[in-house]
Amino acid sequence: MQEKNKGVCSYLVPLIPIRMTEAWMLAAEHELLKKVLRTNLSAQELGLVNRVRQVEHVPNPKQTFKQLAQRATAARSGRHRNLEMNPIYSALGQQIGLDRLSSVPSYQDFVKDLKDTLKILGAIGTS
C-alpha cells in the first residue's frame, strides 16, 4: 500500500486568495493599475480601495475589477474601448509588488505556510 503513494507529494502549500484572484489584483499599486489599464483617471475616479488590507473585504472582487476596467476605458473611442482581461491579469501578476501583497491577510498566511513547509523539507533553516 505504501508503494502505491510513493510518487505523491505529502507537503502542499495552497495559494488561494480568500475571495478570488481579483482581490489580489485590487491590491496592486494605484500607479501600476493605472499604467496597465492605460488610464489617467485618479485612484478615486477608478474607485480603487485605499487600504490594501481592505481588498479581501470587497464583496465581489471579480465584478469590482471588471467595473474598474470599464471605468478606465469608458472615455476611449471605438476599438480602444475593448479591453481584454487576460493581458491585464498577466501584467499585474508579473508586476505587482510582493511588499504590497504582504499587507493582505491571505498572502501573509501563504508566506507563513510556505516557510513552514520549506523548513520541514529542509530547504531553509529553522531560524
N, C-alpha and C. Protein backbone atom coordinates (compact mmCIF):
# COMPACT_ATOMS: atom_id res chain seq x y z
N MET A 1 0.83 -1.21 0.00
CA MET A 1 0.00 0.00 0.00
C MET A 1 0.86 1.26 0.00
N GLN A 2 1.95 1.25 0.75
CA GLN A 2 2.84 2.40 0.82
C GLN A 2 3.46 2.70 -0.54
N GLU A 3 3.83 1.67 -1.29
CA GLU A 3 4.44 1.83 -2.61
C GLU A 3 3.50 2.57 -3.58
N LYS A 4 2.22 2.34 -3.44
CA LYS A 4 1.23 2.94 -4.33
C LYS A 4 1.28 4.47 -4.30
N ASN A 5 1.51 5.06 -3.13
CA ASN A 5 1.51 6.51 -2.97
C ASN A 5 2.91 7.11 -2.97
N LYS A 6 3.89 6.34 -3.38
CA LYS A 6 5.27 6.79 -3.31
C LYS A 6 5.53 8.10 -4.08
N GLY A 7 4.90 8.29 -5.23
CA GLY A 7 5.14 9.49 -6.03
C GLY A 7 4.28 10.68 -5.66
N VAL A 8 3.46 10.54 -4.63
CA VAL A 8 2.55 11.62 -4.24
C VAL A 8 3.24 12.52 -3.21
N CYS A 9 3.22 13.81 -3.47
CA CYS A 9 3.81 14.77 -2.55
C CYS A 9 2.90 14.91 -1.32
N SER A 10 3.49 14.81 -0.15
CA SER A 10 2.68 14.93 1.07
C SER A 10 2.72 16.34 1.65
N TYR A 11 3.52 17.22 1.05
CA TYR A 11 3.59 18.60 1.53
C TYR A 11 3.10 19.53 0.43
N LEU A 12 1.96 20.12 0.64
CA LEU A 12 1.38 21.04 -0.33
C LEU A 12 1.13 22.38 0.35
N VAL A 13 1.36 23.45 -0.39
CA VAL A 13 1.10 24.79 0.12
C VAL A 13 0.12 25.45 -0.85
N PRO A 14 -1.14 25.61 -0.41
CA PRO A 14 -2.12 26.22 -1.31
C PRO A 14 -1.87 27.73 -1.45
N LEU A 15 -2.09 28.21 -2.64
CA LEU A 15 -2.01 29.65 -2.90
C LEU A 15 -3.38 30.07 -3.41
N ILE A 16 -4.24 30.43 -2.45
CA ILE A 16 -5.62 30.74 -2.79
C ILE A 16 -6.04 32.04 -2.11
N PRO A 17 -6.22 33.09 -2.91
CA PRO A 17 -6.76 34.31 -2.30
C PRO A 17 -8.13 34.01 -1.70
N ILE A 18 -8.48 34.70 -0.64
CA ILE A 18 -9.73 34.41 0.07
C ILE A 18 -10.94 34.52 -0.85
N ARG A 19 -11.05 35.56 -1.60
CA ARG A 19 -12.26 35.75 -2.42
C ARG A 19 -12.05 35.36 -3.87
N MET A 20 -11.01 35.77 -4.47
CA MET A 20 -10.70 35.47 -5.87
C MET A 20 -9.38 36.14 -6.19
N THR A 21 -8.81 35.73 -7.28
CA THR A 21 -7.56 36.32 -7.71
C THR A 21 -7.69 37.83 -7.85
N GLU A 22 -8.85 38.29 -8.26
CA GLU A 22 -9.05 39.73 -8.46
C GLU A 22 -8.86 40.53 -7.18
N ALA A 23 -9.10 39.92 -6.03
CA ALA A 23 -8.87 40.63 -4.77
C ALA A 23 -7.40 41.01 -4.66
N TRP A 24 -6.51 40.11 -5.05
CA TRP A 24 -5.09 40.43 -5.00
C TRP A 24 -4.74 41.43 -6.09
N MET A 25 -5.43 41.39 -7.23
CA MET A 25 -5.18 42.37 -8.29
C MET A 25 -5.56 43.77 -7.81
N LEU A 26 -6.62 43.87 -7.02
CA LEU A 26 -7.04 45.16 -6.48
C LEU A 26 -6.02 45.72 -5.49
N ALA A 27 -5.14 44.86 -4.99
CA ALA A 27 -4.12 45.30 -4.04
C ALA A 27 -2.93 45.95 -4.74
N ALA A 28 -2.88 45.88 -6.05
CA ALA A 28 -1.75 46.45 -6.79
C ALA A 28 -1.63 47.95 -6.53
N GLU A 29 -0.42 48.45 -6.68
CA GLU A 29 -0.17 49.88 -6.53
C GLU A 29 -1.07 50.64 -7.51
N HIS A 30 -1.63 51.74 -7.07
CA HIS A 30 -2.55 52.50 -7.91
C HIS A 30 -1.90 52.92 -9.22
N GLU A 31 -0.66 53.34 -9.17
CA GLU A 31 0.02 53.76 -10.40
C GLU A 31 0.20 52.60 -11.36
N LEU A 32 0.47 51.41 -10.83
CA LEU A 32 0.60 50.22 -11.68
C LEU A 32 -0.74 49.90 -12.33
N LEU A 33 -1.81 49.93 -11.57
CA LEU A 33 -3.14 49.68 -12.14
C LEU A 33 -3.46 50.68 -13.24
N LYS A 34 -3.17 51.94 -12.99
CA LYS A 34 -3.43 52.97 -13.99
C LYS A 34 -2.61 52.72 -15.25
N LYS A 35 -1.37 52.31 -15.09
CA LYS A 35 -0.49 52.04 -16.23
C LYS A 35 -1.01 50.85 -17.04
N VAL A 36 -1.33 49.76 -16.35
CA VAL A 36 -1.80 48.55 -17.03
C VAL A 36 -3.14 48.79 -17.72
N LEU A 37 -4.01 49.58 -17.09
CA LEU A 37 -5.32 49.88 -17.67
C LEU A 37 -5.26 51.02 -18.68
N ARG A 38 -4.09 51.62 -18.81
CA ARG A 38 -3.86 52.73 -19.74
C ARG A 38 -4.87 53.85 -19.54
N THR A 39 -4.86 54.38 -18.31
CA THR A 39 -5.79 55.46 -17.97
C THR A 39 -5.08 56.54 -17.17
N ASN A 40 -5.60 57.74 -17.27
CA ASN A 40 -5.11 58.86 -16.47
C ASN A 40 -6.08 59.20 -15.35
N LEU A 41 -7.15 58.42 -15.21
CA LEU A 41 -8.12 58.67 -14.14
C LEU A 41 -7.44 58.50 -12.79
N SER A 42 -7.90 59.25 -11.82
CA SER A 42 -7.33 59.15 -10.48
C SER A 42 -7.79 57.85 -9.81
N ALA A 43 -7.12 57.49 -8.75
CA ALA A 43 -7.49 56.30 -7.98
C ALA A 43 -8.93 56.44 -7.49
N GLN A 44 -9.30 57.63 -7.08
CA GLN A 44 -10.66 57.88 -6.59
C GLN A 44 -11.68 57.73 -7.72
N GLU A 45 -11.37 58.27 -8.91
CA GLU A 45 -12.28 58.16 -10.05
C GLU A 45 -12.45 56.70 -10.48
N LEU A 46 -11.40 55.92 -10.34
CA LEU A 46 -11.48 54.50 -10.69
C LEU A 46 -12.20 53.69 -9.62
N GLY A 47 -12.28 54.22 -8.42
CA GLY A 47 -12.93 53.52 -7.32
C GLY A 47 -12.02 52.50 -6.65
N LEU A 48 -10.73 52.81 -6.62
CA LEU A 48 -9.76 51.89 -6.02
C LEU A 48 -9.84 51.90 -4.50
N VAL A 49 -9.57 50.76 -3.92
CA VAL A 49 -9.55 50.60 -2.47
C VAL A 49 -8.33 51.35 -1.94
N ASN A 50 -8.52 52.13 -0.89
CA ASN A 50 -7.42 52.93 -0.35
C ASN A 50 -6.42 52.11 0.47
N ARG A 51 -6.91 51.15 1.20
CA ARG A 51 -6.03 50.37 2.07
C ARG A 51 -5.95 48.94 1.56
N VAL A 52 -4.75 48.45 1.38
CA VAL A 52 -4.53 47.13 0.81
C VAL A 52 -5.24 46.04 1.61
N ARG A 53 -5.23 46.14 2.92
CA ARG A 53 -5.87 45.11 3.75
C ARG A 53 -7.37 44.99 3.46
N GLN A 54 -7.95 46.02 2.87
CA GLN A 54 -9.39 46.02 2.60
C GLN A 54 -9.79 45.19 1.38
N VAL A 55 -8.85 44.82 0.53
CA VAL A 55 -9.21 44.15 -0.72
C VAL A 55 -9.95 42.85 -0.49
N GLU A 56 -9.69 42.17 0.60
CA GLU A 56 -10.38 40.91 0.86
C GLU A 56 -11.76 41.11 1.47
N HIS A 57 -12.13 42.34 1.71
CA HIS A 57 -13.47 42.65 2.21
C HIS A 57 -14.40 43.13 1.10
N VAL A 58 -13.87 43.26 -0.11
CA VAL A 58 -14.70 43.64 -1.25
C VAL A 58 -15.63 42.46 -1.55
N PRO A 59 -16.96 42.68 -1.53
CA PRO A 59 -17.91 41.56 -1.67
C PRO A 59 -17.74 40.74 -2.95
N ASN A 60 -17.51 41.39 -4.07
CA ASN A 60 -17.36 40.68 -5.34
C ASN A 60 -16.19 41.29 -6.10
N PRO A 61 -14.95 40.87 -5.77
CA PRO A 61 -13.79 41.50 -6.39
C PRO A 61 -13.73 41.32 -7.90
N LYS A 62 -14.25 40.20 -8.41
CA LYS A 62 -14.24 39.99 -9.87
C LYS A 62 -15.07 41.07 -10.55
N GLN A 63 -16.27 41.33 -10.03
CA GLN A 63 -17.14 42.37 -10.60
C GLN A 63 -16.54 43.76 -10.36
N THR A 64 -15.98 43.98 -9.19
CA THR A 64 -15.35 45.26 -8.88
C THR A 64 -14.20 45.54 -9.84
N PHE A 65 -13.39 44.53 -10.11
CA PHE A 65 -12.25 44.72 -11.01
C PHE A 65 -12.75 44.98 -12.43
N LYS A 66 -13.78 44.28 -12.85
CA LYS A 66 -14.35 44.49 -14.18
C LYS A 66 -14.89 45.91 -14.32
N GLN A 67 -15.60 46.39 -13.29
CA GLN A 67 -16.13 47.76 -13.31
C GLN A 67 -15.01 48.79 -13.35
N LEU A 68 -13.95 48.52 -12.60
CA LEU A 68 -12.79 49.40 -12.59
C LEU A 68 -12.21 49.50 -14.01
N ALA A 69 -12.06 48.36 -14.67
CA ALA A 69 -11.52 48.34 -16.04
C ALA A 69 -12.46 49.07 -17.00
N GLN A 70 -13.77 48.91 -16.81
CA GLN A 70 -14.73 49.60 -17.67
C GLN A 70 -14.66 51.10 -17.48
N ARG A 71 -14.49 51.55 -16.23
CA ARG A 71 -14.34 53.00 -15.98
C ARG A 71 -13.09 53.53 -16.68
N ALA A 72 -12.03 52.73 -16.65
CA ALA A 72 -10.76 53.16 -17.25
C ALA A 72 -10.88 53.31 -18.76
N THR A 73 -11.73 52.52 -19.38
CA THR A 73 -11.83 52.55 -20.84
C THR A 73 -13.03 53.34 -21.36
N ALA A 74 -13.90 53.81 -20.48
CA ALA A 74 -15.14 54.48 -20.89
C ALA A 74 -14.90 55.69 -21.78
N ALA A 75 -13.85 56.43 -21.55
CA ALA A 75 -13.60 57.65 -22.32
C ALA A 75 -12.91 57.38 -23.66
N ARG A 76 -12.51 56.14 -23.88
CA ARG A 76 -11.83 55.81 -25.13
C ARG A 76 -12.83 55.69 -26.28
N SER A 77 -12.30 55.80 -27.48
CA SER A 77 -13.17 55.69 -28.64
C SER A 77 -13.10 54.29 -29.24
N GLY A 78 -14.16 53.89 -29.87
CA GLY A 78 -14.26 52.68 -30.68
C GLY A 78 -13.51 51.46 -30.19
N ARG A 79 -12.58 50.99 -31.03
CA ARG A 79 -11.89 49.74 -30.74
C ARG A 79 -10.96 49.84 -29.54
N HIS A 80 -10.55 51.04 -29.16
CA HIS A 80 -9.68 51.22 -27.99
C HIS A 80 -10.44 51.00 -26.69
N ARG A 81 -11.76 50.96 -26.79
CA ARG A 81 -12.58 50.75 -25.61
C ARG A 81 -12.61 49.27 -25.21
N ASN A 82 -12.43 48.38 -26.20
CA ASN A 82 -12.45 46.94 -25.93
C ASN A 82 -11.22 46.55 -25.12
N LEU A 83 -11.44 45.94 -23.99
CA LEU A 83 -10.35 45.63 -23.07
C LEU A 83 -10.33 44.14 -22.76
N GLU A 84 -9.25 43.48 -23.11
CA GLU A 84 -9.07 42.07 -22.81
C GLU A 84 -8.53 41.93 -21.39
N MET A 85 -9.16 41.09 -20.59
CA MET A 85 -8.78 40.96 -19.18
C MET A 85 -7.52 40.10 -18.99
N ASN A 86 -7.32 39.07 -19.79
CA ASN A 86 -6.17 38.19 -19.60
C ASN A 86 -4.83 38.92 -19.65
N PRO A 87 -4.61 39.80 -20.62
CA PRO A 87 -3.33 40.54 -20.61
C PRO A 87 -3.18 41.44 -19.37
N ILE A 88 -4.30 41.96 -18.89
CA ILE A 88 -4.26 42.79 -17.68
C ILE A 88 -3.86 41.94 -16.49
N TYR A 89 -4.48 40.77 -16.34
CA TYR A 89 -4.13 39.87 -15.24
C TYR A 89 -2.66 39.48 -15.31
N SER A 90 -2.22 39.16 -16.52
CA SER A 90 -0.83 38.75 -16.70
C SER A 90 0.14 39.87 -16.32
N ALA A 91 -0.14 41.07 -16.79
CA ALA A 91 0.74 42.21 -16.50
C ALA A 91 0.76 42.51 -15.00
N LEU A 92 -0.40 42.49 -14.37
CA LEU A 92 -0.44 42.76 -12.93
C LEU A 92 0.26 41.65 -12.15
N GLY A 93 0.03 40.41 -12.55
CA GLY A 93 0.66 39.28 -11.88
C GLY A 93 2.18 39.34 -11.92
N GLN A 94 2.71 39.85 -13.03
CA GLN A 94 4.16 39.95 -13.19
C GLN A 94 4.75 41.17 -12.49
N GLN A 95 3.94 42.21 -12.31
CA GLN A 95 4.49 43.48 -11.84
C GLN A 95 4.09 43.88 -10.42
N ILE A 96 3.08 43.23 -9.86
CA ILE A 96 2.61 43.64 -8.54
C ILE A 96 3.73 43.42 -7.52
N GLY A 97 3.89 44.37 -6.63
CA GLY A 97 4.94 44.29 -5.62
C GLY A 97 4.56 43.34 -4.49
N LEU A 98 5.44 42.38 -4.20
CA LEU A 98 5.17 41.45 -3.11
C LEU A 98 5.11 42.18 -1.78
N ASP A 99 5.83 43.30 -1.67
CA ASP A 99 5.74 44.09 -0.44
C ASP A 99 4.32 44.64 -0.27
N ARG A 100 3.67 44.93 -1.38
CA ARG A 100 2.28 45.41 -1.34
C ARG A 100 1.35 44.28 -0.91
N LEU A 101 1.55 43.09 -1.47
CA LEU A 101 0.72 41.94 -1.11
C LEU A 101 0.93 41.51 0.34
N SER A 102 2.08 41.84 0.89
CA SER A 102 2.38 41.41 2.26
C SER A 102 1.42 42.01 3.30
N SER A 103 0.63 42.98 2.89
CA SER A 103 -0.38 43.56 3.79
C SER A 103 -1.72 42.83 3.70
N VAL A 104 -1.85 41.90 2.74
CA VAL A 104 -3.10 41.16 2.55
C VAL A 104 -3.06 39.90 3.42
N PRO A 105 -4.03 39.73 4.32
CA PRO A 105 -4.00 38.61 5.26
C PRO A 105 -3.83 37.22 4.62
N SER A 106 -4.52 36.93 3.53
CA SER A 106 -4.38 35.59 2.94
C SER A 106 -2.98 35.40 2.33
N TYR A 107 -2.36 36.48 1.85
CA TYR A 107 -1.00 36.37 1.35
C TYR A 107 -0.03 36.13 2.51
N GLN A 108 -0.27 36.78 3.63
CA GLN A 108 0.55 36.55 4.83
C GLN A 108 0.47 35.08 5.25
N ASP A 109 -0.74 34.52 5.21
CA ASP A 109 -0.93 33.10 5.54
C ASP A 109 -0.16 32.21 4.57
N PHE A 110 -0.22 32.55 3.28
CA PHE A 110 0.51 31.78 2.28
C PHE A 110 2.01 31.78 2.55
N VAL A 111 2.58 32.95 2.83
CA VAL A 111 4.02 33.06 3.09
C VAL A 111 4.40 32.24 4.32
N LYS A 112 3.60 32.32 5.36
CA LYS A 112 3.88 31.54 6.57
C LYS A 112 3.84 30.04 6.27
N ASP A 113 2.80 29.59 5.57
CA ASP A 113 2.68 28.17 5.22
C ASP A 113 3.83 27.70 4.35
N LEU A 114 4.23 28.54 3.40
CA LEU A 114 5.35 28.20 2.52
C LEU A 114 6.64 28.06 3.32
N LYS A 115 6.92 29.02 4.20
CA LYS A 115 8.12 28.95 5.02
C LYS A 115 8.12 27.71 5.91
N ASP A 116 6.97 27.43 6.54
CA ASP A 116 6.87 26.25 7.40
C ASP A 116 7.14 24.97 6.62
N THR A 117 6.59 24.87 5.42
CA THR A 117 6.79 23.68 4.60
C THR A 117 8.23 23.56 4.14
N LEU A 118 8.85 24.67 3.75
CA LEU A 118 10.25 24.63 3.33
C LEU A 118 11.16 24.23 4.49
N LYS A 119 10.82 24.64 5.69
CA LYS A 119 11.58 24.23 6.88
C LYS A 119 11.46 22.73 7.09
N ILE A 120 10.24 22.21 6.99
CA ILE A 120 10.01 20.77 7.16
C ILE A 120 10.82 19.97 6.14
N LEU A 121 10.87 20.48 4.92
CA LEU A 121 11.58 19.80 3.84
C LEU A 121 13.10 20.00 3.92
N GLY A 122 13.53 20.88 4.83
CA GLY A 122 14.96 21.16 4.98
C GLY A 122 15.53 22.07 3.91
N ALA A 123 14.66 22.73 3.17
CA ALA A 123 15.09 23.63 2.11
C ALA A 123 15.59 24.98 2.65
N ILE A 124 15.10 25.34 3.84
CA ILE A 124 15.58 26.55 4.51
C ILE A 124 15.82 26.23 5.98
N GLY A 125 16.60 27.05 6.63
CA GLY A 125 16.89 26.84 8.04
C GLY A 125 15.68 27.08 8.92
N THR A 126 15.77 26.63 10.14
CA THR A 126 14.65 26.76 11.07
C THR A 126 14.69 28.04 11.89
N SER A 127 15.69 28.86 11.68
CA SER A 127 15.78 30.09 12.46
C SER A 127 14.91 31.18 11.93
